[in-house]
C-alpha atoms as a PDB file:
ATOM      1  CA  UNK A   1       0.000   0.000   0.000  1.00  0.00           C
ATOM      2  CA  UNK A   2       1.416   3.375  -1.018  1.00  0.00           C
ATOM      3  CA  UNK A   3       0.482   6.530   0.791  1.00  0.00           C
ATOM      4  CA  UNK A   4       1.161   9.745  -1.079  1.00  0.00           C
ATOM      5  CA  UNK A   5       0.010  13.061   0.408  1.00  0.00           C
ATOM      6  CA  UNK A   6       0.440  16.037  -1.877  1.00  0.00           C
ATOM      7  CA  UNK A   7      -0.120  19.550  -0.645  1.00  0.00           C
ATOM      8  CA  UNK A   8       0.321  22.006  -3.481  1.00  0.00           C
ATOM      9  CA  UNK A   9       0.291  25.067  -1.263  1.00  0.00           C
ATOM     10  CA  UNK A  10       3.275  23.887   0.782  1.00  0.00           C
ATOM     11  CA  UNK A  11       4.974  21.779  -1.868  1.00  0.00           C
ATOM     12  CA  UNK A  12       5.178  18.894   0.604  1.00  0.00           C
ATOM     13  CA  UNK A  13       5.150  15.252  -0.461  1.00  0.00           C
ATOM     14  CA  UNK A  14       5.016  12.248   1.858  1.00  0.00           C
ATOM     15  CA  UNK A  15       5.724   8.764   0.535  1.00  0.00           C
ATOM     16  CA  UNK A  16       6.516   5.542   2.389  1.00  0.00           C
ATOM     17  CA  UNK A  17      10.142   6.584   2.921  1.00  0.00           C
ATOM     18  CA  UNK A  18       9.136  10.011   4.214  1.00  0.00           C
ATOM     19  CA  UNK A  19       6.594   8.499   6.585  1.00  0.00           C
ATOM     20  CA  UNK A  20       9.138   5.961   7.856  1.00  0.00           C
ATOM     21  CA  UNK A  21      11.622   8.752   8.596  1.00  0.00           C
ATOM     22  CA  UNK A  22       9.009  10.649  10.560  1.00  0.00           C
ATOM     23  CA  UNK A  23       7.966   7.716  12.755  1.00  0.00           C
ATOM     24  CA  UNK A  24       8.698   8.073  16.449  1.00  0.00           C
ATOM     25  CA  UNK A  25       9.748   5.210  18.734  1.00  0.00           C
ATOM     26  CA  UNK A  26       6.115   4.540  19.815  1.00  0.00           C
ATOM     27  CA  UNK A  27       5.130   4.673  16.149  1.00  0.00           C
ATOM     28  CA  UNK A  28       7.727   2.071  15.217  1.00  0.00           C
ATOM     29  CA  UNK A  29       6.587  -0.065  18.150  1.00  0.00           C
ATOM     30  CA  UNK A  30       3.036   0.031  16.793  1.00  0.00           C
ATOM     31  CA  UNK A  31       4.115  -0.843  13.243  1.00  0.00           C
ATOM     32  CA  UNK A  32       6.371  -3.699  14.412  1.00  0.00           C
ATOM     33  CA  UNK A  33       3.599  -5.071  16.630  1.00  0.00           C
ATOM     34  CA  UNK A  34       1.156  -5.037  13.728  1.00  0.00           C
ATOM     35  CA  UNK A  35       3.742  -6.671  11.468  1.00  0.00           C
ATOM     36  CA  UNK A  36       4.237  -9.479  13.988  1.00  0.00           C
ATOM     37  CA  UNK A  37       0.481  -9.927  14.272  1.00  0.00           C
ATOM     38  CA  UNK A  38       0.124 -10.094  10.505  1.00  0.00           C
ATOM     39  CA  UNK A  39       2.916 -12.689  10.236  1.00  0.00           C
ATOM     40  CA  UNK A  40       1.272 -14.773  12.970  1.00  0.00           C
ATOM     41  CA  UNK A  41      -2.094 -14.468  11.227  1.00  0.00           C
ATOM     42  CA  UNK A  42      -0.676 -15.642   7.900  1.00  0.00           C
ATOM     43  CA  UNK A  43       1.247 -18.525   9.506  1.00  0.00           C
ATOM     44  CA  UNK A  44      -1.794 -19.775  11.416  1.00  0.00           C
ATOM     45  CA  UNK A  45      -4.003 -19.379   8.361  1.00  0.00           C
ATOM     46  CA  UNK A  46      -1.711 -21.475   6.165  1.00  0.00           C
ATOM     47  CA  UNK A  47      -1.141 -24.127   8.849  1.00  0.00           C
ATOM     48  CA  UNK A  48      -4.852 -24.484   9.665  1.00  0.00           C
ATOM     49  CA  UNK A  49      -5.798 -24.588   5.988  1.00  0.00           C
ATOM     50  CA  UNK A  50      -3.348 -27.418   5.320  1.00  0.00           C
ATOM     51  CA  UNK A  51      -4.470 -29.289   8.458  1.00  0.00           C
ATOM     52  CA  UNK A  52      -8.159 -29.058   7.594  1.00  0.00           C
ATOM     53  CA  UNK A  53      -7.532 -29.996   3.969  1.00  0.00           C
ATOM     54  CA  UNK A  54      -5.618 -33.125   5.024  1.00  0.00           C
ATOM     55  CA  UNK A  55      -8.336 -34.032   7.519  1.00  0.00           C
ATOM     56  CA  UNK A  56     -11.053 -33.677   4.891  1.00  0.00           C
ATOM     57  CA  UNK A  57      -9.125 -35.584   2.220  1.00  0.00           C
ATOM     58  CA  UNK A  58      -8.125 -38.487   4.457  1.00  0.00           C
ATOM     59  CA  UNK A  59     -11.598 -38.743   5.984  1.00  0.00           C
ATOM     60  CA  UNK A  60     -13.110 -39.163   2.522  1.00  0.00           C
ATOM     61  CA  UNK A  61     -10.700 -42.017   1.850  1.00  0.00           C
ATOM     62  CA  UNK A  62     -11.124 -43.498   5.310  1.00  0.00           C
ATOM     63  CA  UNK A  63     -14.913 -43.605   5.677  1.00  0.00           C
ATOM     64  CA  UNK A  64     -15.750 -46.245   3.009  1.00  0.00           C
ATOM     65  CA  UNK A  65     -12.807 -48.442   4.005  1.00  0.00           C
ATOM     66  CA  UNK A  66     -13.667 -48.601   7.704  1.00  0.00           C
ATOM     67  CA  UNK A  67     -17.358 -48.997   6.911  1.00  0.00           C
ATOM     68  CA  UNK A  68     -16.581 -52.100   4.851  1.00  0.00           C
ATOM     69  CA  UNK A  69     -14.361 -53.537   7.588  1.00  0.00           C
ATOM     70  CA  UNK A  70     -17.071 -53.055  10.210  1.00  0.00           C
ATOM     71  CA  UNK A  71     -19.649 -54.548   7.859  1.00  0.00           C
ATOM     72  CA  UNK A  72     -17.498 -57.656   7.785  1.00  0.00           C
ATOM     73  CA  UNK A  73     -17.225 -57.515  11.615  1.00  0.00           C
ATOM     74  CA  UNK A  74     -13.455 -57.224  11.290  1.00  0.00           C
ATOM     75  CA  UNK A  75     -12.595 -54.817  14.101  1.00  0.00           C
ATOM     76  CA  UNK A  76      -8.842 -55.448  13.935  1.00  0.00           C
ATOM     77  CA  UNK A  77      -8.798 -54.439  10.283  1.00  0.00           C
ATOM     78  CA  UNK A  78     -10.882 -51.355  11.075  1.00  0.00           C
ATOM     79  CA  UNK A  79      -8.367 -50.348  13.748  1.00  0.00           C
ATOM     80  CA  UNK A  80      -5.454 -50.861  11.349  1.00  0.00           C
ATOM     81  CA  UNK A  81      -7.189 -48.739   8.722  1.00  0.00           C
ATOM     82  CA  UNK A  82      -7.766 -46.019  11.327  1.00  0.00           C
ATOM     83  CA  UNK A  83      -4.110 -46.019  12.357  1.00  0.00           C
ATOM     84  CA  UNK A  84      -3.085 -45.462   8.731  1.00  0.00           C
ATOM     85  CA  UNK A  85      -5.180 -42.279   8.492  1.00  0.00           C
ATOM     86  CA  UNK A  86      -3.652 -40.262  11.317  1.00  0.00           C
ATOM     87  CA  UNK A  87      -4.659 -36.884   9.863  1.00  0.00           C
ATOM     88  CA  UNK A  88      -8.336 -37.836   9.686  1.00  0.00           C
ATOM     89  CA  UNK A  89     -10.503 -36.521  12.516  1.00  0.00           C
ATOM     90  CA  UNK A  90     -12.951 -39.362  11.963  1.00  0.00           C
ATOM     91  CA  UNK A  91     -10.200 -41.985  12.169  1.00  0.00           C
ATOM     92  CA  UNK A  92      -9.045 -40.760  15.569  1.00  0.00           C
ATOM     93  CA  UNK A  93     -12.534 -40.873  17.044  1.00  0.00           C
ATOM     94  CA  UNK A  94     -13.528 -44.223  15.559  1.00  0.00           C
ATOM     95  CA  UNK A  95     -10.177 -45.765  16.473  1.00  0.00           C
ATOM     96  CA  UNK A  96     -10.581 -44.768  20.133  1.00  0.00           C
ATOM     97  CA  UNK A  97     -14.014 -46.363  20.336  1.00  0.00           C
ATOM     98  CA  UNK A  98     -12.946 -49.524  18.522  1.00  0.00           C
ATOM     99  CA  UNK A  99      -9.845 -49.998  20.671  1.00  0.00           C
ATOM    100  CA  UNK A 100     -11.939 -49.671  23.828  1.00  0.00           C
ATOM    101  CA  UNK A 101     -14.440 -52.141  22.394  1.00  0.00           C
ATOM    102  CA  UNK A 102     -11.757 -54.636  21.351  1.00  0.00           C
ATOM    103  CA  UNK A 103     -10.001 -54.374  24.720  1.00  0.00           C
ATOM    104  CA  UNK A 104     -13.031 -55.900  26.438  1.00  0.00           C
ATOM    105  CA  UNK A 105     -14.551 -58.644  24.370  1.00  0.00           C
ATOM    106  CA  UNK A 106     -12.937 -58.570  20.968  1.00  0.00           C
ATOM    107  CA  UNK A 107     -15.463 -59.196  18.228  1.00  0.00           C
ATOM    108  CA  UNK A 108     -18.076 -60.912  20.342  1.00  0.00           C
ATOM    109  CA  UNK A 109     -20.095 -59.865  23.396  1.00  0.00           C
ATOM    110  CA  UNK A 110     -19.868 -56.533  25.158  1.00  0.00           C
ATOM    111  CA  UNK A 111     -21.699 -55.722  28.387  1.00  0.00           C
ATOM    112  CA  UNK A 112     -23.662 -52.548  29.094  1.00  0.00           C
ATOM    113  CA  UNK A 113     -20.888 -51.213  31.332  1.00  0.00           C
ATOM    114  CA  UNK A 114     -18.254 -51.937  28.728  1.00  0.00           C
ATOM    115  CA  UNK A 115     -20.348 -50.233  26.069  1.00  0.00           C
ATOM    116  CA  UNK A 116     -20.588 -47.166  28.318  1.00  0.00           C
ATOM    117  CA  UNK A 117     -16.804 -47.213  28.592  1.00  0.00           C
ATOM    118  CA  UNK A 118     -16.598 -47.206  24.795  1.00  0.00           C
ATOM    119  CA  UNK A 119     -18.990 -44.248  24.680  1.00  0.00           C
ATOM    120  CA  UNK A 120     -16.818 -42.339  27.139  1.00  0.00           C
ATOM    121  CA  UNK A 121     -13.755 -43.147  25.037  1.00  0.00           C
ATOM    122  CA  UNK A 122     -15.518 -41.685  22.017  1.00  0.00           C
ATOM    123  CA  UNK A 123     -16.469 -38.538  23.938  1.00  0.00           C
ATOM    124  CA  UNK A 124     -12.894 -38.070  25.141  1.00  0.00           C
ATOM    125  CA  UNK A 125     -11.556 -38.523  21.614  1.00  0.00           C
ATOM    126  CA  UNK A 126     -14.012 -35.955  20.251  1.00  0.00           C
ATOM    127  CA  UNK A 127     -13.052 -33.451  22.957  1.00  0.00           C
ATOM    128  CA  UNK A 128      -9.321 -33.940  22.328  1.00  0.00           C
ATOM    129  CA  UNK A 129      -9.638 -33.724  18.548  1.00  0.00           C
ATOM    130  CA  UNK A 130     -11.889 -30.667  18.711  1.00  0.00           C
ATOM    131  CA  UNK A 131      -9.337 -28.891  20.918  1.00  0.00           C
ATOM    132  CA  UNK A 132      -6.619 -29.850  18.451  1.00  0.00           C
ATOM    133  CA  UNK A 133      -8.653 -28.524  15.516  1.00  0.00           C
ATOM    134  CA  UNK A 134      -9.200 -25.233  17.362  1.00  0.00           C
ATOM    135  CA  UNK A 135      -5.489 -24.725  17.958  1.00  0.00           C
ATOM    136  CA  UNK A 136      -4.410 -21.265  16.846  1.00  0.00           C
ATOM    137  CA  UNK A 137      -7.948 -19.935  16.382  1.00  0.00           C
ATOM    138  CA  UNK A 138      -7.943 -18.101  19.711  1.00  0.00           C
ATOM    139  CA  UNK A 139      -4.794 -16.327  18.515  1.00  0.00           C
ATOM    140  CA  UNK A 140      -6.594 -15.227  15.356  1.00  0.00           C
ATOM    141  CA  UNK A 141      -9.457 -13.904  17.472  1.00  0.00           C
ATOM    142  CA  UNK A 142      -6.969 -11.996  19.611  1.00  0.00           C
ATOM    143  CA  UNK A 143      -5.316 -10.460  16.549  1.00  0.00           C
ATOM    144  CA  UNK A 144      -8.674  -9.511  15.089  1.00  0.00           C
ATOM    145  CA  UNK A 145      -9.848  -7.847  18.295  1.00  0.00           C
ATOM    146  CA  UNK A 146      -6.611  -6.094  19.306  1.00  0.00           C
ATOM    147  CA  UNK A 147      -5.109  -4.951  15.983  1.00  0.00           C
ATOM    148  CA  UNK A 148      -7.517  -1.994  15.601  1.00  0.00           C
ATOM    149  CA  UNK A 149      -6.668  -0.845  19.125  1.00  0.00           C
ATOM    150  CA  UNK A 150      -2.948  -1.133  18.433  1.00  0.00           C
ATOM    151  CA  UNK A 151      -3.483   0.991  15.337  1.00  0.00           C
ATOM    152  CA  UNK A 152      -5.572   3.426  17.368  1.00  0.00           C
ATOM    153  CA  UNK A 153      -2.704   3.771  19.824  1.00  0.00           C
ATOM    154  CA  UNK A 154      -0.469   4.726  16.915  1.00  0.00           C
ATOM    155  CA  UNK A 155      -3.079   7.238  15.809  1.00  0.00           C
ATOM    156  CA  UNK A 156      -3.165   8.845  19.246  1.00  0.00           C
ATOM    157  CA  UNK A 157       0.635   9.044  19.293  1.00  0.00           C
ATOM    158  CA  UNK A 158       0.660  10.637  15.851  1.00  0.00           C
ATOM    159  CA  UNK A 159      -1.974  13.216  16.751  1.00  0.00           C
ATOM    160  CA  UNK A 160      -0.099  14.114  19.933  1.00  0.00           C
ATOM    161  CA  UNK A 161       3.030  14.629  17.826  1.00  0.00           C
ATOM    162  CA  UNK A 162       1.075  16.856  15.458  1.00  0.00           C
ATOM    163  CA  UNK A 163      -0.176  19.038  18.317  1.00  0.00           C
ATOM    164  CA  UNK A 164       3.335  19.262  19.733  1.00  0.00           C
ATOM    165  CA  UNK A 165       4.654  20.436  16.376  1.00  0.00           C
ATOM    166  CA  UNK A 166       1.931  23.057  16.176  1.00  0.00           C
ATOM    167  CA  UNK A 167       2.682  24.220  19.699  1.00  0.00           C
ATOM    168  CA  UNK A 168       6.336  24.760  18.829  1.00  0.00           C
ATOM    169  CA  UNK A 169       5.552  26.749  15.687  1.00  0.00           C
ATOM    170  CA  UNK A 170       2.046  28.148  15.537  1.00  0.00           C
ATOM    171  CA  UNK A 171       2.559  29.527  12.034  1.00  0.00           C
ATOM    172  CA  UNK A 172       3.834  26.258  10.616  1.00  0.00           C
ATOM    173  CA  UNK A 173       2.129  24.765   7.595  1.00  0.00           C
ATOM    174  CA  UNK A 174       1.373  21.151   6.770  1.00  0.00           C
ATOM    175  CA  UNK A 175       5.078  20.398   6.529  1.00  0.00           C
ATOM    176  CA  UNK A 176       5.497  20.680  10.296  1.00  0.00           C
ATOM    177  CA  UNK A 177       2.668  18.318  11.193  1.00  0.00           C
ATOM    178  CA  UNK A 178       2.358  16.210   8.053  1.00  0.00           C
ATOM    179  CA  UNK A 179       4.669  13.473   9.319  1.00  0.00           C
ATOM    180  CA  UNK A 180       2.765  13.057  12.553  1.00  0.00           C
ATOM    181  CA  UNK A 181      -0.570  13.000  10.737  1.00  0.00           C
ATOM    182  CA  UNK A 182       0.750  10.463   8.230  1.00  0.00           C
ATOM    183  CA  UNK A 183       1.988   8.287  11.099  1.00  0.00           C
ATOM    184  CA  UNK A 184      -1.469   8.429  12.656  1.00  0.00           C
ATOM    185  CA  UNK A 185      -3.218   7.509   9.404  1.00  0.00           C
ATOM    186  CA  UNK A 186      -0.808   4.697   8.563  1.00  0.00           C
ATOM    187  CA  UNK A 187      -1.201   3.125  12.010  1.00  0.00           C
ATOM    188  CA  UNK A 188      -4.998   3.209  11.793  1.00  0.00           C
ATOM    189  CA  UNK A 189      -5.086   1.793   8.270  1.00  0.00           C
ATOM    190  CA  UNK A 190      -2.548  -0.916   9.103  1.00  0.00           C
ATOM    191  CA  UNK A 191      -4.459  -1.959  12.232  1.00  0.00           C
ATOM    192  CA  UNK A 192      -7.724  -2.281  10.321  1.00  0.00           C
ATOM    193  CA  UNK A 193      -5.944  -4.028   7.464  1.00  0.00           C
ATOM    194  CA  UNK A 194      -4.632  -6.689   9.857  1.00  0.00           C
ATOM    195  CA  UNK A 195      -7.871  -7.074  11.820  1.00  0.00           C
ATOM    196  CA  UNK A 196     -10.245  -7.651   8.903  1.00  0.00           C
ATOM    197  CA  UNK A 197      -8.578 -10.793   7.442  1.00  0.00           C
ATOM    198  CA  UNK A 198      -7.908 -12.120  10.965  1.00  0.00           C
ATOM    199  CA  UNK A 199     -11.598 -11.940  11.863  1.00  0.00           C
ATOM    200  CA  UNK A 200     -12.559 -13.406   8.497  1.00  0.00           C
ATOM    201  CA  UNK A 201     -10.170 -16.348   8.919  1.00  0.00           C
ATOM    202  CA  UNK A 202     -11.329 -16.926  12.492  1.00  0.00           C
ATOM    203  CA  UNK A 203     -14.968 -17.152  11.410  1.00  0.00           C
ATOM    204  CA  UNK A 204     -14.127 -19.313   8.401  1.00  0.00           C
ATOM    205  CA  UNK A 205     -12.023 -21.783  10.373  1.00  0.00           C
ATOM    206  CA  UNK A 206     -14.529 -21.853  13.242  1.00  0.00           C
ATOM    207  CA  UNK A 207     -17.212 -22.945  10.787  1.00  0.00           C
ATOM    208  CA  UNK A 208     -14.855 -25.691   9.590  1.00  0.00           C
ATOM    209  CA  UNK A 209     -14.297 -26.920  13.158  1.00  0.00           C
ATOM    210  CA  UNK A 210     -18.049 -26.927  13.749  1.00  0.00           C
ATOM    211  CA  UNK A 211     -18.527 -29.028  10.630  1.00  0.00           C
ATOM    212  CA  UNK A 212     -15.813 -31.460  11.738  1.00  0.00           C
ATOM    213  CA  UNK A 213     -17.376 -31.704  15.208  1.00  0.00           C
ATOM    214  CA  UNK A 214     -20.741 -32.635  13.693  1.00  0.00           C
ATOM    215  CA  UNK A 215     -19.067 -35.306  11.571  1.00  0.00           C
ATOM    216  CA  UNK A 216     -17.281 -36.739  14.613  1.00  0.00           C
ATOM    217  CA  UNK A 217     -20.494 -36.759  16.652  1.00  0.00           C
ATOM    218  CA  UNK A 218     -22.324 -38.554  13.853  1.00  0.00           C
ATOM    219  CA  UNK A 219     -19.534 -41.106  13.474  1.00  0.00           C
ATOM    220  CA  UNK A 220     -19.523 -41.733  17.226  1.00  0.00           C
ATOM    221  CA  UNK A 221     -23.289 -42.209  17.207  1.00  0.00           C
ATOM    222  CA  UNK A 222     -23.076 -44.674  14.308  1.00  0.00           C
ATOM    223  CA  UNK A 223     -20.307 -46.565  16.105  1.00  0.00           C
ATOM    224  CA  UNK A 224     -22.424 -46.840  19.263  1.00  0.00           C
ATOM    225  CA  UNK A 225     -25.242 -48.247  17.133  1.00  0.00           C
ATOM    226  CA  UNK A 226     -22.749 -50.765  15.785  1.00  0.00           C
ATOM    227  CA  UNK A 227     -21.768 -51.752  19.317  1.00  0.00           C
ATOM    228  CA  UNK A 228     -25.438 -52.264  20.217  1.00  0.00           C
ATOM    229  CA  UNK A 229     -25.977 -54.468  17.189  1.00  0.00           C
ATOM    230  CA  UNK A 230     -22.873 -56.498  18.047  1.00  0.00           C
ATOM    231  CA  UNK A 231     -24.109 -56.958  21.593  1.00  0.00           C
ATOM    232  CA  UNK A 232     -27.555 -58.007  20.373  1.00  0.00           C
ATOM    233  CA  UNK A 233     -26.024 -60.573  18.039  1.00  0.00           C
ATOM    234  CA  UNK A 234     -23.926 -61.963  20.887  1.00  0.00           C
ATOM    235  CA  UNK A 235     -26.927 -62.216  23.205  1.00  0.00           C
ATOM    236  CA  UNK A 236     -28.985 -64.006  20.566  1.00  0.00           C
ATOM    237  CA  UNK A 237     -26.087 -66.359  19.913  1.00  0.00           C
END
């Protein structure tokens, strides 16, 4: 972004270099803080995007495979398939439930208490995976909520500098206060420019986590139904 302030009456021009020269120590602190926030925002955005893309892709590959293994009542194969899809959120949840199930009765009977233990294992897995999927999102929310205030701080500093320049020379033109005003405007614009994409990414990724949570809840519910059917078969046998 290029800021160019032209004032024909004073013959004063402020570009990026001119603004940088006029920045005070608090002004530089504001700009550096916003730069760090923007770097963090970009890093988290890329990392979360790759994580969610892998989770979605592997889950699409995983779902039909594990469904076929469970249809054949082959729990060991289902667990092996789950272990091969470590980036899938569904695989982690289903694997936890299946391992708890297999630890009790293998492929045959499972008591009511043991089935409850499997349900709790599924709930724990969902909670752990959801927390993992949310990693970094609180940081995005913090950037989105604080960046405008950081920029506002820079604005206040710039305006104070402008008033100080006017106090020193009451007859001064725009050249005496232009740098301070430019500093104030740059800080405000930069703060808003960092906050908007941070808030957008936070909302976008939060919707993704919500979607993943629904998928995990549905998978857990289907797995519990499978456990009930297995138990019913064992009781009839």
